């Protein structure tokens, strides 16, 4: 995760919101509320079953220096929610779902290498596909109004945006990695039976 405070990069969730955000105190209250979201509860349950419980203390409310970053996940450090880039409850729930998918992948893989562009690309594809980040309504709000194929294009676009920020992956390497792992990772819906 690169929140401007950490040298370790794994994954960041891009925010579409440029608002001032909320206080860390308010954000912490909303994180607690988001822990009751059915998808967040589902992912936490499956992480625990996989031997990687997500304790609340591993989810941090913070003010992030980099613009456009809504949150991130880093092995051993947990999940960060960038309060100063959040305005709504739904945004916090969305960040948690996205980052919990990364945490689940990290737990499940046991040998996740965030410096490996293919590993990073796979978890970004899965997180963008399974979290609802590319739902039609969200895409419309971002100004993308394609009627067919919007979801896969969105997943690729958002995965590329994240992977190319990895200091170990150039834009060309990120694009190659996404294409190489696309079929396997897009179709891997674990722990869901199918894409939500």
Protein backbone atom coordinates (compact mmCIF):
# COMPACT_ATOMS: atom_id res chain seq x y z
CA UNK A 1 0.00 0.00 0.00
CA UNK A 2 1.31 3.41 -0.79
CA UNK A 3 -0.43 5.99 1.31
CA UNK A 4 2.45 8.40 1.22
CA UNK A 5 3.55 7.17 4.63
CA UNK A 6 4.89 3.73 3.70
CA UNK A 7 7.72 2.57 1.46
CA UNK A 8 6.13 -0.84 0.84
CA UNK A 9 3.83 -0.98 -2.14
CA UNK A 10 1.29 -3.70 -2.72
CA UNK A 11 -2.04 -2.40 -3.90
CA UNK A 12 -4.02 0.81 -3.84
CA UNK A 13 -7.65 1.46 -4.55
CA UNK A 14 -8.31 4.43 -6.81
CA UNK A 15 -10.85 6.98 -5.69
CA UNK A 16 -13.09 8.75 -8.18
CA UNK A 17 -13.91 11.33 -5.53
CA UNK A 18 -11.95 14.56 -5.21
CA UNK A 19 -13.92 15.91 -2.23
CA UNK A 20 -12.24 17.04 0.97
CA UNK A 21 -13.33 13.91 2.81
CA UNK A 22 -14.11 13.24 6.43
CA UNK A 23 -12.33 13.27 9.76
CA UNK A 24 -10.53 10.16 10.95
CA UNK A 25 -12.98 9.95 13.87
CA UNK A 26 -16.00 9.96 11.56
CA UNK A 27 -14.25 7.59 9.18
CA UNK A 28 -13.50 5.14 12.01
CA UNK A 29 -17.19 5.09 12.96
CA UNK A 30 -18.12 4.41 9.36
CA UNK A 31 -15.52 1.63 9.06
CA UNK A 32 -17.16 -0.06 12.06
CA UNK A 33 -20.53 0.32 10.32
CA UNK A 34 -19.08 -1.14 7.08
CA UNK A 35 -17.90 -4.22 8.99
CA UNK A 36 -21.60 -5.16 9.16
CA UNK A 37 -21.97 -5.03 5.34
CA UNK A 38 -22.92 -8.54 4.14
CA UNK A 39 -20.06 -8.80 1.61
CA UNK A 40 -17.49 -7.56 4.14
CA UNK A 41 -18.77 -10.12 6.66
CA UNK A 42 -18.68 -12.85 3.99
CA UNK A 43 -15.06 -12.08 3.05
CA UNK A 44 -13.91 -11.87 6.67
CA UNK A 45 -15.57 -15.24 7.37
CA UNK A 46 -13.81 -16.87 4.41
CA UNK A 47 -10.47 -15.36 5.38
CA UNK A 48 -10.87 -16.79 8.86
CA UNK A 49 -11.70 -20.20 7.36
CA UNK A 50 -8.52 -19.90 5.25
CA UNK A 51 -6.51 -19.29 8.42
CA UNK A 52 -6.14 -15.53 8.08
CA UNK A 53 -8.58 -13.74 10.39
CA UNK A 54 -9.04 -10.02 9.75
CA UNK A 55 -8.95 -8.28 13.10
CA UNK A 56 -10.48 -4.83 13.27
CA UNK A 57 -7.12 -3.42 14.41
CA UNK A 58 -5.75 -4.34 10.96
CA UNK A 59 -8.14 -1.85 9.33
CA UNK A 60 -6.86 1.68 9.80
CA UNK A 61 -8.44 5.06 9.18
CA UNK A 62 -5.81 7.49 7.89
CA UNK A 63 -5.26 10.70 6.00
CA UNK A 64 -3.40 9.86 2.80
CA UNK A 65 -1.03 12.26 1.06
CA UNK A 66 -1.46 10.96 -2.50
CA UNK A 67 -4.53 12.31 -4.29
CA UNK A 68 -7.00 9.85 -5.75
CA UNK A 69 -6.13 7.00 -3.40
CA UNK A 70 -9.10 5.63 -1.47
CA UNK A 71 -7.30 2.86 0.36
CA UNK A 72 -4.78 0.09 0.19
CA UNK A 73 -3.65 -3.28 1.43
CA UNK A 74 -0.17 -4.32 2.46
CA UNK A 75 1.00 -7.74 3.63
CA UNK A 76 1.56 -7.68 7.36
CA UNK A 77 0.20 -4.15 7.75
CA UNK A 78 -3.46 -4.66 6.87
CA UNK A 79 -5.94 -2.34 5.20
CA UNK A 80 -5.92 1.43 5.19
CA UNK A 81 -8.91 3.62 4.38
CA UNK A 82 -8.02 7.13 3.22
CA UNK A 83 -10.53 9.17 5.22
CA UNK A 84 -9.60 12.46 3.62
CA UNK A 85 -10.72 11.00 0.27
CA UNK A 86 -14.02 9.53 1.54
CA UNK A 87 -17.40 11.26 1.60
CA UNK A 88 -19.99 8.47 1.78
CA UNK A 89 -20.60 5.25 3.67
CA UNK A 90 -20.80 3.31 0.39
CA UNK A 91 -17.28 4.42 -0.56
CA UNK A 92 -15.86 3.01 2.67
CA UNK A 93 -17.69 -0.29 2.22
CA UNK A 94 -16.44 -0.48 -1.37
CA UNK A 95 -12.82 0.13 -0.31
CA UNK A 96 -13.07 -2.56 2.38
CA UNK A 97 -14.53 -5.11 -0.05
CA UNK A 98 -11.86 -4.37 -2.66
CA UNK A 99 -9.00 -4.55 -0.17
CA UNK A 100 -10.39 -7.66 1.54
CA UNK A 101 -10.23 -9.44 -1.81
CA UNK A 102 -6.53 -8.54 -1.99
CA UNK A 103 -6.07 -9.77 1.58
CA UNK A 104 -7.91 -12.99 0.72
CA UNK A 105 -5.67 -13.52 -2.32
CA UNK A 106 -2.59 -12.83 -0.23
CA UNK A 107 -3.75 -15.35 2.40
CA UNK A 108 -4.76 -17.98 -0.12
CA UNK A 109 -1.62 -17.74 -2.25
CA UNK A 110 0.82 -17.99 0.67
CA UNK A 111 3.59 -16.91 -1.72
CA UNK A 112 2.18 -13.68 -3.10
CA UNK A 113 4.97 -11.54 -4.53
CA UNK A 114 3.83 -7.93 -4.91
CA UNK A 115 6.97 -7.23 -7.00
CA UNK A 116 5.73 -9.78 -9.57
CA UNK A 117 3.55 -7.93 -12.09
CA UNK A 118 1.50 -11.04 -12.88
CA UNK A 119 0.68 -11.64 -9.18
CA UNK A 120 -0.29 -8.01 -8.73
CA UNK A 121 -2.32 -7.99 -11.98
CA UNK A 122 -4.24 -11.10 -10.95
CA UNK A 123 -5.36 -9.73 -7.61
CA UNK A 124 -6.30 -6.37 -9.19
CA UNK A 125 -8.39 -8.14 -11.83
CA UNK A 126 -10.13 -10.17 -9.15
CA UNK A 127 -10.68 -7.21 -6.80
CA UNK A 128 -12.12 -4.98 -9.52
CA UNK A 129 -14.31 -7.78 -10.90
CA UNK A 130 -15.60 -9.23 -7.62
CA UNK A 131 -16.01 -6.09 -5.54
CA UNK A 132 -18.54 -4.33 -7.74
CA UNK A 133 -16.09 -1.54 -8.59
CA UNK A 134 -17.09 -1.94 -12.24
CA UNK A 135 -20.84 -2.15 -11.77
CA UNK A 136 -22.71 -0.41 -14.57
CA UNK A 137 -24.02 2.36 -12.28
CA UNK A 138 -20.53 3.15 -10.95
CA UNK A 139 -19.21 3.32 -14.51
CA UNK A 140 -22.00 5.70 -15.53
CA UNK A 141 -21.10 7.98 -12.62
CA UNK A 142 -17.48 7.97 -13.83
CA UNK A 143 -18.61 9.01 -17.30
CA UNK A 144 -18.16 5.66 -19.05
CA UNK A 145 -21.39 4.91 -20.88
CA UNK A 146 -20.63 1.94 -23.11
CA UNK A 147 -23.60 -0.41 -23.30
CA UNK A 148 -21.81 -3.71 -23.96
CA UNK A 149 -18.58 -5.00 -22.53
CA UNK A 150 -18.26 -2.16 -20.04
CA UNK A 151 -17.48 -4.44 -17.09
CA UNK A 152 -14.46 -6.20 -18.60
CA UNK A 153 -13.10 -2.94 -20.03
CA UNK A 154 -13.49 -1.32 -16.60
CA UNK A 155 -11.73 -4.21 -14.84
CA UNK A 156 -8.80 -4.00 -17.29
CA UNK A 157 -8.64 -0.19 -17.08
CA UNK A 158 -8.67 -0.10 -13.29
CA UNK A 159 -6.26 -3.04 -12.95
CA UNK A 160 -3.82 -1.33 -15.31
CA UNK A 161 -4.11 1.93 -13.38
CA UNK A 162 -3.09 0.13 -10.17
CA UNK A 163 -0.43 -2.24 -11.50
CA UNK A 164 1.46 0.43 -13.44
CA UNK A 165 1.88 2.34 -10.14
CA UNK A 166 3.84 -0.63 -8.79
CA UNK A 167 7.49 0.51 -8.93
CA UNK A 168 8.45 -2.94 -10.22
CA UNK A 169 6.04 -2.82 -13.19
CA UNK A 170 6.31 -0.50 -16.17
CA UNK A 171 3.13 0.30 -18.06
CA UNK A 172 4.10 -2.21 -20.78
CA UNK A 173 4.86 -4.91 -18.17
CA UNK A 174 1.55 -4.18 -16.43
CA UNK A 175 -0.38 -4.48 -19.71
CA UNK A 176 1.41 -7.75 -20.60
CA UNK A 177 0.74 -9.16 -17.12
CA UNK A 178 -2.96 -8.32 -17.30
CA UNK A 179 -3.31 -9.99 -20.71
CA UNK A 180 -1.31 -13.04 -19.60
CA UNK A 181 -3.36 -13.78 -16.46
CA UNK A 182 -6.72 -12.41 -17.63
CA UNK A 183 -8.62 -15.63 -18.35
CA UNK A 184 -7.53 -17.44 -15.19
CA UNK A 185 -7.93 -14.51 -12.83
CA UNK A 186 -11.13 -13.01 -14.24
CA UNK A 187 -12.83 -16.41 -14.05
CA UNK A 188 -11.55 -17.15 -10.52
CA UNK A 189 -14.46 -16.04 -8.32
CA UNK A 190 -13.27 -17.62 -5.06
CA UNK A 191 -14.53 -17.34 -2.33
CA UNK A 192 -17.77 -16.43 -4.13
CA UNK A 193 -19.60 -19.14 -6.08
CA UNK A 194 -19.91 -16.66 -8.94
CA UNK A 195 -19.16 -12.98 -9.44
CA UNK A 196 -21.49 -10.91 -7.22
